[in-house]
Amino acid sequence: MGMDKNVTFNVSGGQLNVASESATINATQNNGVSGDELDSIVKNILENLSELKKENAEGIIDIIDITKEELAKSQPKVSRLRNCVTLIAPMMTIANGIPVLATNLQKLQEFIMPFIK
């Protein structure tokens, strides 16, 4: 590729794309987050909130929203993810008696942990 031609550099997170002239690049950035796994965990949590008080269910939904928002970023903020893990802990007590909910809250915590170490 000759550098004397029209060259475009695109940097996103840790990924660099270089295109010359009118080239098209189709790229996927894999930052280690499995969207399918996270979606499955979230789905199982949301399906089991009906037995909780409204404010507790809303608290769990807020944690999920923050987690998903942060993990969608190319460089998630460790402090926000750490807060999510901290906030999930008391929800485990609230989920006592709803095994699927408790199990999936635990899975969500475990899913987040590699990003805060």
C-alpha atoms as a PDB file:
ATOM      1  CA  MET A   1       0.000   0.000   0.000  1.00  0.00           C
ATOM      2  CA  GLY A   2       1.541   3.285  -1.066  1.00  0.00           C
ATOM      3  CA  MET A   3       1.503   5.948   1.610  1.00  0.00           C
ATOM      4  CA  ASP A   4       1.426   8.673  -1.033  1.00  0.00           C
ATOM      5  CA  LYS A   5      -2.255   7.911  -1.726  1.00  0.00           C
ATOM      6  CA  ASN A   6      -5.284   9.053   0.251  1.00  0.00           C
ATOM      7  CA  VAL A   7      -5.065   6.957   3.447  1.00  0.00           C
ATOM      8  CA  THR A   8      -7.585   6.893   6.303  1.00  0.00           C
ATOM      9  CA  PHE A   9      -6.684   5.748   9.822  1.00  0.00           C
ATOM     10  CA  ASN A  10      -9.437   4.748  12.235  1.00  0.00           C
ATOM     11  CA  VAL A  11      -8.549   3.887  15.839  1.00  0.00           C
ATOM     12  CA  SER A  12     -11.176   2.444  18.190  1.00  0.00           C
ATOM     13  CA  GLY A  13     -10.108   1.074  21.556  1.00  0.00           C
ATOM     14  CA  GLY A  14      -7.136  -1.151  20.795  1.00  0.00           C
ATOM     15  CA  GLN A  15      -8.016  -1.693  17.140  1.00  0.00           C
ATOM     16  CA  LEU A  16      -6.425   0.146  14.203  1.00  0.00           C
ATOM     17  CA  ASN A  17      -7.976   0.116  10.732  1.00  0.00           C
ATOM     18  CA  VAL A  18      -6.127   1.518   7.732  1.00  0.00           C
ATOM     19  CA  ALA A  19      -7.877   2.096   4.399  1.00  0.00           C
ATOM     20  CA  SER A  20      -6.630   3.634   1.193  1.00  0.00           C
ATOM     21  CA  GLU A  21      -8.663   5.687  -1.258  1.00  0.00           C
ATOM     22  CA  SER A  22     -12.268   4.455  -1.309  1.00  0.00           C
ATOM     23  CA  ALA A  23     -11.683   1.090   0.393  1.00  0.00           C
ATOM     24  CA  THR A  24     -14.332  -0.344   2.703  1.00  0.00           C
ATOM     25  CA  ILE A  25     -13.361  -2.152   5.895  1.00  0.00           C
ATOM     26  CA  ASN A  26     -15.698  -4.490   7.706  1.00  0.00           C
ATOM     27  CA  ALA A  27     -14.145  -5.127  11.113  1.00  0.00           C
ATOM     28  CA  THR A  28     -15.262  -6.691  14.343  1.00  0.00           C
ATOM     29  CA  GLN A  29     -13.632  -5.811  17.635  1.00  0.00           C
ATOM     30  CA  ASN A  30     -13.658  -8.603  20.182  1.00  0.00           C
ATOM     31  CA  ASN A  31     -12.915  -7.283  23.645  1.00  0.00           C
ATOM     32  CA  GLY A  32     -13.590 -10.631  25.283  1.00  0.00           C
ATOM     33  CA  VAL A  33     -17.249  -9.972  26.090  1.00  0.00           C
ATOM     34  CA  SER A  34     -19.614 -12.689  24.969  1.00  0.00           C
ATOM     35  CA  GLY A  35     -22.850 -10.910  24.157  1.00  0.00           C
ATOM     36  CA  ASP A  36     -24.778 -14.183  23.960  1.00  0.00           C
ATOM     37  CA  GLU A  37     -23.671 -15.254  27.424  1.00  0.00           C
ATOM     38  CA  LEU A  38     -24.505 -11.871  28.950  1.00  0.00           C
ATOM     39  CA  ASP A  39     -27.869 -11.785  27.153  1.00  0.00           C
ATOM     40  CA  SER A  40     -28.726 -15.237  28.493  1.00  0.00           C
ATOM     41  CA  ILE A  41     -27.860 -14.239  32.064  1.00  0.00           C
ATOM     42  CA  VAL A  42     -29.859 -11.007  31.794  1.00  0.00           C
ATOM     43  CA  LYS A  43     -32.841 -12.811  30.258  1.00  0.00           C
ATOM     44  CA  ASN A  44     -32.900 -15.340  33.112  1.00  0.00           C
ATOM     45  CA  ILE A  45     -32.713 -12.552  35.690  1.00  0.00           C
ATOM     46  CA  LEU A  46     -35.483 -10.490  34.103  1.00  0.00           C
ATOM     47  CA  GLU A  47     -37.774 -13.512  33.795  1.00  0.00           C
ATOM     48  CA  ASN A  48     -37.555 -14.107  37.547  1.00  0.00           C
ATOM     49  CA  LEU A  49     -38.159 -10.631  38.970  1.00  0.00           C
ATOM     50  CA  SER A  50     -41.946 -10.938  39.303  1.00  0.00           C
ATOM     51  CA  GLU A  51     -41.795 -12.314  42.857  1.00  0.00           C
ATOM     52  CA  LEU A  52     -39.775  -9.355  44.150  1.00  0.00           C
ATOM     53  CA  LYS A  53     -40.993  -6.030  45.481  1.00  0.00           C
ATOM     54  CA  LYS A  54     -41.089  -3.391  42.760  1.00  0.00           C
ATOM     55  CA  GLU A  55     -38.202  -1.332  44.197  1.00  0.00           C
ATOM     56  CA  ASN A  56     -35.971  -4.410  44.476  1.00  0.00           C
ATOM     57  CA  ALA A  57     -36.748  -5.460  40.904  1.00  0.00           C
ATOM     58  CA  GLU A  58     -36.020  -1.920  39.692  1.00  0.00           C
ATOM     59  CA  GLY A  59     -32.709  -1.951  41.578  1.00  0.00           C
ATOM     60  CA  ILE A  60     -31.653  -5.137  39.811  1.00  0.00           C
ATOM     61  CA  ILE A  61     -32.717  -3.713  36.446  1.00  0.00           C
ATOM     62  CA  ASP A  62     -30.621  -0.603  37.133  1.00  0.00           C
ATOM     63  CA  ILE A  63     -27.570  -2.762  37.896  1.00  0.00           C
ATOM     64  CA  ILE A  64     -28.103  -4.701  34.665  1.00  0.00           C
ATOM     65  CA  ASP A  65     -28.418  -1.484  32.650  1.00  0.00           C
ATOM     66  CA  ILE A  66     -25.210  -0.032  34.107  1.00  0.00           C
ATOM     67  CA  THR A  67     -23.351  -3.306  33.533  1.00  0.00           C
ATOM     68  CA  LYS A  68     -24.463  -3.636  29.923  1.00  0.00           C
ATOM     69  CA  GLU A  69     -23.714   0.026  29.203  1.00  0.00           C
ATOM     70  CA  GLU A  70     -20.216  -0.231  30.641  1.00  0.00           C
ATOM     71  CA  LEU A  71     -19.364  -3.545  28.956  1.00  0.00           C
ATOM     72  CA  ALA A  72     -20.471  -2.144  25.593  1.00  0.00           C
ATOM     73  CA  LYS A  73     -17.659   0.419  25.778  1.00  0.00           C
ATOM     74  CA  SER A  74     -14.258  -0.318  24.256  1.00  0.00           C
ATOM     75  CA  GLN A  75     -12.686   0.559  27.629  1.00  0.00           C
ATOM     76  CA  PRO A  76     -15.149  -0.107  30.467  1.00  0.00           C
ATOM     77  CA  LYS A  77     -14.621   1.862  33.682  1.00  0.00           C
ATOM     78  CA  VAL A  78     -13.395  -0.522  36.354  1.00  0.00           C
ATOM     79  CA  SER A  79     -14.908   1.599  39.128  1.00  0.00           C
ATOM     80  CA  ARG A  80     -18.417   1.387  37.656  1.00  0.00           C
ATOM     81  CA  LEU A  81     -18.150  -2.371  37.167  1.00  0.00           C
ATOM     82  CA  ARG A  82     -16.818  -2.757  40.717  1.00  0.00           C
ATOM     83  CA  ASN A  83     -19.866  -0.811  41.947  1.00  0.00           C
ATOM     84  CA  CYS A  84     -22.131  -3.198  40.038  1.00  0.00           C
ATOM     85  CA  VAL A  85     -20.542  -6.195  41.734  1.00  0.00           C
ATOM     86  CA  THR A  86     -20.932  -4.474  45.114  1.00  0.00           C
ATOM     87  CA  LEU A  87     -24.594  -3.696  44.409  1.00  0.00           C
ATOM     88  CA  ILE A  88     -25.349  -7.268  43.344  1.00  0.00           C
ATOM     89  CA  ALA A  89     -24.245  -8.688  46.720  1.00  0.00           C
ATOM     90  CA  PRO A  90     -27.283  -7.484  48.737  1.00  0.00           C
ATOM     91  CA  MET A  91     -29.556  -8.506  45.872  1.00  0.00           C
ATOM     92  CA  MET A  92     -28.452 -12.095  46.441  1.00  0.00           C
ATOM     93  CA  THR A  93     -30.143 -11.978  49.855  1.00  0.00           C
ATOM     94  CA  ILE A  94     -33.276 -10.490  48.304  1.00  0.00           C
ATOM     95  CA  ALA A  95     -33.280 -13.292  45.704  1.00  0.00           C
ATOM     96  CA  ASN A  96     -33.120 -15.967  48.411  1.00  0.00           C
ATOM     97  CA  GLY A  97     -35.950 -18.412  47.707  1.00  0.00           C
ATOM     98  CA  ILE A  98     -35.846 -17.772  43.957  1.00  0.00           C
ATOM     99  CA  PRO A  99     -33.069 -20.160  42.892  1.00  0.00           C
ATOM    100  CA  VAL A 100     -32.918 -19.214  39.199  1.00  0.00           C
ATOM    101  CA  LEU A 101     -32.676 -15.518  40.071  1.00  0.00           C
ATOM    102  CA  ALA A 102     -29.993 -16.081  42.727  1.00  0.00           C
ATOM    103  CA  THR A 103     -27.981 -18.314  40.396  1.00  0.00           C
ATOM    104  CA  ASN A 104     -28.076 -15.797  37.563  1.00  0.00           C
ATOM    105  CA  LEU A 105     -27.182 -12.876  39.812  1.00  0.00           C
ATOM    106  CA  GLN A 106     -24.143 -14.929  40.825  1.00  0.00           C
ATOM    107  CA  LYS A 107     -23.385 -15.598  37.140  1.00  0.00           C
ATOM    108  CA  LEU A 108     -23.625 -11.853  36.435  1.00  0.00           C
ATOM    109  CA  GLN A 109     -21.128 -11.155  39.224  1.00  0.00           C
ATOM    110  CA  GLU A 110     -18.779 -13.800  37.850  1.00  0.00           C
ATOM    111  CA  PHE A 111     -19.176 -12.393  34.338  1.00  0.00           C
ATOM    112  CA  ILE A 112     -18.120  -8.925  35.523  1.00  0.00           C
ATOM    113  CA  MET A 113     -15.169 -10.023  37.700  1.00  0.00           C
ATOM    114  CA  PRO A 114     -12.559 -10.491  34.919  1.00  0.00           C
ATOM    115  CA  PHE A 115     -13.041  -6.853  33.923  1.00  0.00           C
ATOM    116  CA  ILE A 116     -12.206  -5.478  37.379  1.00  0.00           C
ATOM    117  CA  LYS A 117      -9.093  -7.514  38.157  1.00  0.00           C
END
